[in-house]
Amino acid sequence: MVLLLIARADCWHYFVHVPSRCVTWKLQQMHISALAADRLKELCARLDSAAGGLRFEGYIGTCRGSSPVFKPAASRRANEEEVTVSGIRFFVPVRERGVFDSASLDLDTSFMGRGLFLTWPHREGCKCDCH
């Protein structure tokens, strides 16, 4: 078996070649809009210099739209992975990595807007009842 890992700007691809067949998986990375990235960088600039990034504590809502829960953090915990997206460091719990990687983060700046919000593809076990 041969494993090949290729990094691209927007995601990671890895290919596993088994002599009888070739299997390909595409590992996504969270998409952050320019507005959301600017807002997060602005917030990170206000943090204490000891904070190295933002801890993804989860979300409030469903795949149709939710509010992310971020907290300043100095470093990752034992059950977390460090992910850098759009120049912003995130510490993501392993259990939340699937949602985090497949999500899109945007910023609603309209009057009475939602602020930062997440959406991601519907998945098995989602509580939204949209399928």
C-alpha atoms as a PDB file:
ATOM      1  CA  MET A   1       0.000   0.000   0.000  1.00  0.00           C
ATOM      2  CA  VAL A   2       1.276   3.502  -0.894  1.00  0.00           C
ATOM      3  CA  LEU A   3       0.041   6.733   0.693  1.00  0.00           C
ATOM      4  CA  LEU A   4       0.531  10.060  -1.096  1.00  0.00           C
ATOM      5  CA  LEU A   5      -0.402  13.357   0.565  1.00  0.00           C
ATOM      6  CA  ILE A   6      -0.776  16.522  -1.559  1.00  0.00           C
ATOM      7  CA  ALA A   7      -1.336  19.982  -0.044  1.00  0.00           C
ATOM      8  CA  ARG A   8      -3.237  22.569  -2.027  1.00  0.00           C
ATOM      9  CA  ALA A   9      -4.271  26.098  -1.095  1.00  0.00           C
ATOM     10  CA  ASP A  10      -7.851  25.171  -0.190  1.00  0.00           C
ATOM     11  CA  CYS A  11      -7.617  21.580   1.008  1.00  0.00           C
ATOM     12  CA  TRP A  12      -5.531  18.432   1.413  1.00  0.00           C
ATOM     13  CA  HIS A  13      -5.805  15.445  -0.885  1.00  0.00           C
ATOM     14  CA  TYR A  14      -4.507  12.032  -0.052  1.00  0.00           C
ATOM     15  CA  PHE A  15      -4.434   8.979  -2.216  1.00  0.00           C
ATOM     16  CA  VAL A  16      -4.099   5.397  -1.065  1.00  0.00           C
ATOM     17  CA  HIS A  17      -3.006   2.910  -3.678  1.00  0.00           C
ATOM     18  CA  VAL A  18      -3.852  -0.667  -2.869  1.00  0.00           C
ATOM     19  CA  PRO A  19      -2.589  -3.097  -5.542  1.00  0.00           C
ATOM     20  CA  SER A  20      -6.143  -4.094  -6.524  1.00  0.00           C
ATOM     21  CA  ARG A  21      -7.676  -0.585  -6.494  1.00  0.00           C
ATOM     22  CA  CYS A  22      -7.000   3.112  -5.874  1.00  0.00           C
ATOM     23  CA  VAL A  23      -9.030   4.993  -3.254  1.00  0.00           C
ATOM     24  CA  THR A  24      -9.072   8.815  -3.022  1.00  0.00           C
ATOM     25  CA  TRP A  25     -10.289  11.034  -0.212  1.00  0.00           C
ATOM     26  CA  LYS A  26     -10.436  14.813  -0.237  1.00  0.00           C
ATOM     27  CA  LEU A  27      -9.825  16.424   3.126  1.00  0.00           C
ATOM     28  CA  GLN A  28     -11.480  19.830   3.184  1.00  0.00           C
ATOM     29  CA  GLN A  29     -10.483  22.835   5.154  1.00  0.00           C
ATOM     30  CA  MET A  30     -12.942  25.342   6.579  1.00  0.00           C
ATOM     31  CA  HIS A  31     -13.836  28.166   4.204  1.00  0.00           C
ATOM     32  CA  ILE A  32     -13.751  31.610   5.799  1.00  0.00           C
ATOM     33  CA  SER A  33     -15.141  34.590   3.899  1.00  0.00           C
ATOM     34  CA  ALA A  34     -12.966  37.695   3.607  1.00  0.00           C
ATOM     35  CA  LEU A  35     -15.337  39.642   5.907  1.00  0.00           C
ATOM     36  CA  ALA A  36     -15.241  36.942   8.581  1.00  0.00           C
ATOM     37  CA  ALA A  37     -11.458  36.576   8.331  1.00  0.00           C
ATOM     38  CA  ASP A  38     -10.993  40.334   8.735  1.00  0.00           C
ATOM     39  CA  ARG A  39     -13.300  40.390  11.767  1.00  0.00           C
ATOM     40  CA  LEU A  40     -11.529  37.439  13.421  1.00  0.00           C
ATOM     41  CA  LYS A  41      -8.103  38.978  12.785  1.00  0.00           C
ATOM     42  CA  GLU A  42      -9.370  42.239  14.303  1.00  0.00           C
ATOM     43  CA  LEU A  43     -10.606  40.363  17.380  1.00  0.00           C
ATOM     44  CA  CYS A  44      -7.357  38.373  17.671  1.00  0.00           C
ATOM     45  CA  ALA A  45      -5.360  41.627  17.551  1.00  0.00           C
ATOM     46  CA  ARG A  46      -7.246  42.799  20.665  1.00  0.00           C
ATOM     47  CA  LEU A  47      -6.410  39.640  22.616  1.00  0.00           C
ATOM     48  CA  ASP A  48      -3.738  39.378  25.249  1.00  0.00           C
ATOM     49  CA  SER A  49      -0.387  38.549  23.671  1.00  0.00           C
ATOM     50  CA  ALA A  50      -0.418  35.213  25.538  1.00  0.00           C
ATOM     51  CA  ALA A  51      -3.394  34.041  23.478  1.00  0.00           C
ATOM     52  CA  GLY A  52      -2.035  32.132  20.519  1.00  0.00           C
ATOM     53  CA  GLY A  53      -5.323  31.541  18.763  1.00  0.00           C
ATOM     54  CA  LEU A  54      -8.991  30.699  19.110  1.00  0.00           C
ATOM     55  CA  ARG A  55     -10.373  27.527  20.667  1.00  0.00           C
ATOM     56  CA  PHE A  56     -13.393  26.141  18.793  1.00  0.00           C
ATOM     57  CA  GLU A  57     -15.732  25.168  21.625  1.00  0.00           C
ATOM     58  CA  GLY A  58     -18.512  24.059  19.285  1.00  0.00           C
ATOM     59  CA  TYR A  59     -21.583  25.718  17.852  1.00  0.00           C
ATOM     60  CA  ILE A  60     -25.137  26.687  18.722  1.00  0.00           C
ATOM     61  CA  GLY A  61     -27.550  25.658  15.978  1.00  0.00           C
ATOM     62  CA  THR A  62     -27.587  23.164  13.119  1.00  0.00           C
ATOM     63  CA  CYS A  63     -26.173  22.729   9.620  1.00  0.00           C
ATOM     64  CA  ARG A  64     -28.667  25.298   8.295  1.00  0.00           C
ATOM     65  CA  GLY A  65     -26.955  28.018  10.294  1.00  0.00           C
ATOM     66  CA  SER A  66     -25.330  28.266  13.673  1.00  0.00           C
ATOM     67  CA  SER A  67     -23.234  30.541  15.829  1.00  0.00           C
ATOM     68  CA  PRO A  68     -19.667  29.385  16.427  1.00  0.00           C
ATOM     69  CA  VAL A  69     -18.292  29.406  19.966  1.00  0.00           C
ATOM     70  CA  PHE A  70     -14.673  30.628  20.008  1.00  0.00           C
ATOM     71  CA  LYS A  71     -12.557  31.413  23.071  1.00  0.00           C
ATOM     72  CA  PRO A  72      -9.038  32.864  23.240  1.00  0.00           C
ATOM     73  CA  ALA A  73      -6.436  30.202  23.967  1.00  0.00           C
ATOM     74  CA  ALA A  74      -2.673  30.118  24.428  1.00  0.00           C
ATOM     75  CA  SER A  75      -2.145  26.617  23.056  1.00  0.00           C
ATOM     76  CA  ARG A  76      -3.932  23.427  22.143  1.00  0.00           C
ATOM     77  CA  ARG A  77      -5.088  20.855  24.668  1.00  0.00           C
ATOM     78  CA  ALA A  78      -4.288  17.156  24.509  1.00  0.00           C
ATOM     79  CA  ASN A  79      -7.549  16.296  22.699  1.00  0.00           C
ATOM     80  CA  GLU A  80      -7.265  19.139  20.163  1.00  0.00           C
ATOM     81  CA  GLU A  81      -5.579  19.739  16.833  1.00  0.00           C
ATOM     82  CA  GLU A  82      -4.108  23.035  15.685  1.00  0.00           C
ATOM     83  CA  VAL A  83      -5.518  24.272  12.366  1.00  0.00           C
ATOM     84  CA  THR A  84      -4.554  27.502  10.591  1.00  0.00           C
ATOM     85  CA  VAL A  85      -7.106  28.926   8.154  1.00  0.00           C
ATOM     86  CA  SER A  86      -6.750  32.342   6.489  1.00  0.00           C
ATOM     87  CA  GLY A  87      -3.872  33.169   8.824  1.00  0.00           C
ATOM     88  CA  ILE A  88      -5.931  32.486  11.963  1.00  0.00           C
ATOM     89  CA  ARG A  89      -4.918  29.730  14.389  1.00  0.00           C
ATOM     90  CA  PHE A  90      -7.712  27.541  15.717  1.00  0.00           C
ATOM     91  CA  PHE A  91      -7.533  24.800  18.333  1.00  0.00           C
ATOM     92  CA  VAL A  92     -10.177  22.245  17.372  1.00  0.00           C
ATOM     93  CA  PRO A  93     -11.311  19.252  19.471  1.00  0.00           C
ATOM     94  CA  VAL A  94     -10.870  16.015  17.551  1.00  0.00           C
ATOM     95  CA  ARG A  95     -14.604  15.216  17.967  1.00  0.00           C
ATOM     96  CA  GLU A  96     -15.554  18.514  16.230  1.00  0.00           C
ATOM     97  CA  ARG A  97     -12.992  18.299  13.408  1.00  0.00           C
ATOM     98  CA  GLY A  98     -15.446  16.920  10.817  1.00  0.00           C
ATOM     99  CA  VAL A  99     -17.896  19.799  11.291  1.00  0.00           C
ATOM    100  CA  PHE A 100     -15.081  22.363  11.498  1.00  0.00           C
ATOM    101  CA  ASP A 101     -13.371  21.231   8.288  1.00  0.00           C
ATOM    102  CA  SER A 102     -16.555  21.049   6.217  1.00  0.00           C
ATOM    103  CA  ALA A 103     -17.989  24.357   7.490  1.00  0.00           C
ATOM    104  CA  SER A 104     -18.168  27.785   5.925  1.00  0.00           C
ATOM    105  CA  LEU A 105     -17.752  30.745   8.249  1.00  0.00           C
ATOM    106  CA  ASP A 106     -19.233  34.072   7.207  1.00  0.00           C
ATOM    107  CA  LEU A 107     -20.111  37.421   8.760  1.00  0.00           C
ATOM    108  CA  ASP A 108     -23.557  39.007   8.573  1.00  0.00           C
ATOM    109  CA  THR A 109     -23.064  42.749   9.008  1.00  0.00           C
ATOM    110  CA  SER A 110     -26.645  43.813   8.340  1.00  0.00           C
ATOM    111  CA  PHE A 111     -28.718  45.666  10.917  1.00  0.00           C
ATOM    112  CA  MET A 112     -29.783  43.057  13.500  1.00  0.00           C
ATOM    113  CA  GLY A 113     -27.532  40.590  11.639  1.00  0.00           C
ATOM    114  CA  ARG A 114     -26.271  37.300  13.004  1.00  0.00           C
ATOM    115  CA  GLY A 115     -22.611  38.310  13.227  1.00  0.00           C
ATOM    116  CA  LEU A 116     -20.332  35.334  12.662  1.00  0.00           C
ATOM    117  CA  PHE A 117     -22.242  32.266  11.481  1.00  0.00           C
ATOM    118  CA  LEU A 118     -21.404  28.737  10.380  1.00  0.00           C
ATOM    119  CA  THR A 119     -23.026  26.455   7.842  1.00  0.00           C
ATOM    120  CA  TRP A 120     -21.936  22.991   6.733  1.00  0.00           C
ATOM    121  CA  PRO A 121     -23.258  20.153   4.590  1.00  0.00           C
ATOM    122  CA  HIS A 122     -26.017  18.100   6.185  1.00  0.00           C
ATOM    123  CA  ARG A 123     -24.650  14.961   7.862  1.00  0.00           C
ATOM    124  CA  GLU A 124     -26.065  11.800   9.381  1.00  0.00           C
ATOM    125  CA  GLY A 125     -27.347  12.445  12.905  1.00  0.00           C
ATOM    126  CA  CYS A 126     -27.834  16.187  12.412  1.00  0.00           C
ATOM    127  CA  LYS A 127     -30.614  17.639  14.564  1.00  0.00           C
ATOM    128  CA  CYS A 128     -31.977  19.931  11.797  1.00  0.00           C
ATOM    129  CA  ASP A 129     -34.480  17.432  10.320  1.00  0.00           C
ATOM    130  CA  CYS A 130     -33.901  18.864   6.850  1.00  0.00           C
ATOM    131  CA  HIS A 131     -33.665  15.432   5.188  1.00  0.00           C
END
